[in-house]
């Protein structure tokens, strides 16, 4: 579909890198689903926090059945809370029906 045919910007789906500086001017940018090495991800909590700071975005550590990483990430964020990226506590609980 030709992008010029889409008039409502809220219904666009774009598969490209976001322009973070532009987005941060108007919005709080947060990755709402990220797994650490404590679950099935590869990065340490410290590395996740550092990258979040570099990008200037918030981060939600959503490890499977664990809240430790979501709590721990706060230790790696600067104490000046009004200018730091927002760590979001959001465990990813896995349930099974027996």
C-alpha atoms as a PDB file:
ATOM      1  CA  UNK A   1       0.000   0.000   0.000  1.00  0.00           C
ATOM      2  CA  UNK A   2       1.259   3.457  -0.870  1.00  0.00           C
ATOM      3  CA  UNK A   3       2.037   5.465   2.296  1.00  0.00           C
ATOM      4  CA  UNK A   4       0.469   8.568   0.749  1.00  0.00           C
ATOM      5  CA  UNK A   5      -2.894   6.783   0.868  1.00  0.00           C
ATOM      6  CA  UNK A   6      -2.785   6.569   4.662  1.00  0.00           C
ATOM      7  CA  UNK A   7      -4.136   9.800   6.110  1.00  0.00           C
ATOM      8  CA  UNK A   8      -4.327   8.880   9.803  1.00  0.00           C
ATOM      9  CA  UNK A   9      -0.821   8.815  11.293  1.00  0.00           C
ATOM     10  CA  UNK A  10      -2.014   6.697  14.229  1.00  0.00           C
ATOM     11  CA  UNK A  11      -2.676   3.750  11.929  1.00  0.00           C
ATOM     12  CA  UNK A  12       0.705   3.584  10.220  1.00  0.00           C
ATOM     13  CA  UNK A  13       2.914   0.578  10.692  1.00  0.00           C
ATOM     14  CA  UNK A  14       6.518   1.344   9.843  1.00  0.00           C
ATOM     15  CA  UNK A  15       9.283  -1.232   9.972  1.00  0.00           C
ATOM     16  CA  UNK A  16      12.252   1.057  10.405  1.00  0.00           C
ATOM     17  CA  UNK A  17      14.457   2.336  13.197  1.00  0.00           C
ATOM     18  CA  UNK A  18      12.706   4.986  15.282  1.00  0.00           C
ATOM     19  CA  UNK A  19      14.202   8.452  15.468  1.00  0.00           C
ATOM     20  CA  UNK A  20      14.792   8.436  19.248  1.00  0.00           C
ATOM     21  CA  UNK A  21      15.887  12.072  19.600  1.00  0.00           C
ATOM     22  CA  UNK A  22      12.741  13.202  17.804  1.00  0.00           C
ATOM     23  CA  UNK A  23      10.488  10.874  19.833  1.00  0.00           C
ATOM     24  CA  UNK A  24      12.053  11.927  23.164  1.00  0.00           C
ATOM     25  CA  UNK A  25      11.157  15.564  22.442  1.00  0.00           C
ATOM     26  CA  UNK A  26       7.452  14.777  22.819  1.00  0.00           C
ATOM     27  CA  UNK A  27       7.148  11.363  24.481  1.00  0.00           C
ATOM     28  CA  UNK A  28       8.516   9.137  27.208  1.00  0.00           C
ATOM     29  CA  UNK A  29      10.170   6.347  25.209  1.00  0.00           C
ATOM     30  CA  UNK A  30      10.145   2.978  26.994  1.00  0.00           C
ATOM     31  CA  UNK A  31      10.987  -0.561  25.875  1.00  0.00           C
ATOM     32  CA  UNK A  32       8.199  -2.409  27.681  1.00  0.00           C
ATOM     33  CA  UNK A  33       9.447  -5.983  27.238  1.00  0.00           C
ATOM     34  CA  UNK A  34      13.098  -6.926  27.747  1.00  0.00           C
ATOM     35  CA  UNK A  35      14.550 -10.174  29.137  1.00  0.00           C
ATOM     36  CA  UNK A  36      17.899 -10.329  30.925  1.00  0.00           C
ATOM     37  CA  UNK A  37      20.347 -13.191  31.454  1.00  0.00           C
ATOM     38  CA  UNK A  38      18.274 -14.070  34.534  1.00  0.00           C
ATOM     39  CA  UNK A  39      15.659 -15.447  32.142  1.00  0.00           C
ATOM     40  CA  UNK A  40      16.104 -16.257  28.448  1.00  0.00           C
ATOM     41  CA  UNK A  41      17.926 -13.039  27.470  1.00  0.00           C
ATOM     42  CA  UNK A  42      21.661 -12.523  27.153  1.00  0.00           C
ATOM     43  CA  UNK A  43      22.471  -9.125  28.691  1.00  0.00           C
ATOM     44  CA  UNK A  44      23.239  -8.483  32.335  1.00  0.00           C
ATOM     45  CA  UNK A  45      21.085  -6.069  34.311  1.00  0.00           C
ATOM     46  CA  UNK A  46      23.993  -3.628  34.466  1.00  0.00           C
ATOM     47  CA  UNK A  47      24.437  -3.775  30.662  1.00  0.00           C
ATOM     48  CA  UNK A  48      20.705  -3.244  30.121  1.00  0.00           C
ATOM     49  CA  UNK A  49      20.731  -0.217  32.428  1.00  0.00           C
ATOM     50  CA  UNK A  50      23.806   1.233  30.713  1.00  0.00           C
ATOM     51  CA  UNK A  51      22.291   0.874  27.241  1.00  0.00           C
ATOM     52  CA  UNK A  52      19.018   2.381  28.452  1.00  0.00           C
ATOM     53  CA  UNK A  53      20.966   5.393  29.742  1.00  0.00           C
ATOM     54  CA  UNK A  54      22.909   5.696  26.470  1.00  0.00           C
ATOM     55  CA  UNK A  55      19.673   5.696  24.461  1.00  0.00           C
ATOM     56  CA  UNK A  56      17.800   7.898  26.936  1.00  0.00           C
ATOM     57  CA  UNK A  57      14.876   5.484  27.135  1.00  0.00           C
ATOM     58  CA  UNK A  58      13.045   3.709  29.929  1.00  0.00           C
ATOM     59  CA  UNK A  59      13.267  -0.055  30.230  1.00  0.00           C
ATOM     60  CA  UNK A  60      11.006  -2.785  31.608  1.00  0.00           C
ATOM     61  CA  UNK A  61      12.897  -5.942  32.589  1.00  0.00           C
ATOM     62  CA  UNK A  62      10.332  -8.699  32.089  1.00  0.00           C
ATOM     63  CA  UNK A  63      12.143 -11.901  33.013  1.00  0.00           C
ATOM     64  CA  UNK A  64      10.109 -15.108  33.209  1.00  0.00           C
ATOM     65  CA  UNK A  65       8.869 -15.849  36.731  1.00  0.00           C
ATOM     66  CA  UNK A  66      11.373 -13.469  38.323  1.00  0.00           C
ATOM     67  CA  UNK A  67      11.247  -9.925  39.607  1.00  0.00           C
ATOM     68  CA  UNK A  68      14.890  -9.722  40.743  1.00  0.00           C
ATOM     69  CA  UNK A  69      16.147  -8.070  37.538  1.00  0.00           C
ATOM     70  CA  UNK A  70      13.355  -5.504  37.517  1.00  0.00           C
ATOM     71  CA  UNK A  71      14.215  -4.542  41.096  1.00  0.00           C
ATOM     72  CA  UNK A  72      17.998  -4.691  40.588  1.00  0.00           C
ATOM     73  CA  UNK A  73      18.063  -2.372  37.555  1.00  0.00           C
ATOM     74  CA  UNK A  74      17.265   0.590  39.792  1.00  0.00           C
ATOM     75  CA  UNK A  75      20.708   0.210  41.440  1.00  0.00           C
ATOM     76  CA  UNK A  76      22.405   1.053  38.137  1.00  0.00           C
ATOM     77  CA  UNK A  77      20.396   4.184  37.391  1.00  0.00           C
ATOM     78  CA  UNK A  78      21.661   7.619  38.484  1.00  0.00           C
ATOM     79  CA  UNK A  79      20.168   9.102  41.615  1.00  0.00           C
ATOM     80  CA  UNK A  80      18.952  12.262  39.851  1.00  0.00           C
ATOM     81  CA  UNK A  81      15.578  10.699  39.075  1.00  0.00           C
ATOM     82  CA  UNK A  82      14.080  13.650  37.189  1.00  0.00           C
ATOM     83  CA  UNK A  83      16.509  13.215  34.281  1.00  0.00           C
ATOM     84  CA  UNK A  84      17.104   9.461  34.222  1.00  0.00           C
ATOM     85  CA  UNK A  85      15.374   6.810  32.143  1.00  0.00           C
ATOM     86  CA  UNK A  86      12.479   5.149  33.903  1.00  0.00           C
ATOM     87  CA  UNK A  87      12.952   1.536  35.036  1.00  0.00           C
ATOM     88  CA  UNK A  88       9.590  -0.251  34.916  1.00  0.00           C
ATOM     89  CA  UNK A  89       8.825  -3.238  37.157  1.00  0.00           C
ATOM     90  CA  UNK A  90       7.040  -5.802  35.026  1.00  0.00           C
ATOM     91  CA  UNK A  91       7.697  -9.507  35.661  1.00  0.00           C
ATOM     92  CA  UNK A  92       6.642 -11.939  32.945  1.00  0.00           C
ATOM     93  CA  UNK A  93       4.849 -14.716  34.819  1.00  0.00           C
ATOM     94  CA  UNK A  94       4.480 -18.095  33.130  1.00  0.00           C
ATOM     95  CA  UNK A  95       1.565 -20.305  34.140  1.00  0.00           C
ATOM     96  CA  UNK A  96       0.693 -23.834  33.159  1.00  0.00           C
ATOM     97  CA  UNK A  97      -2.505 -25.797  33.523  1.00  0.00           C
ATOM     98  CA  UNK A  98      -1.949 -29.258  34.922  1.00  0.00           C
END
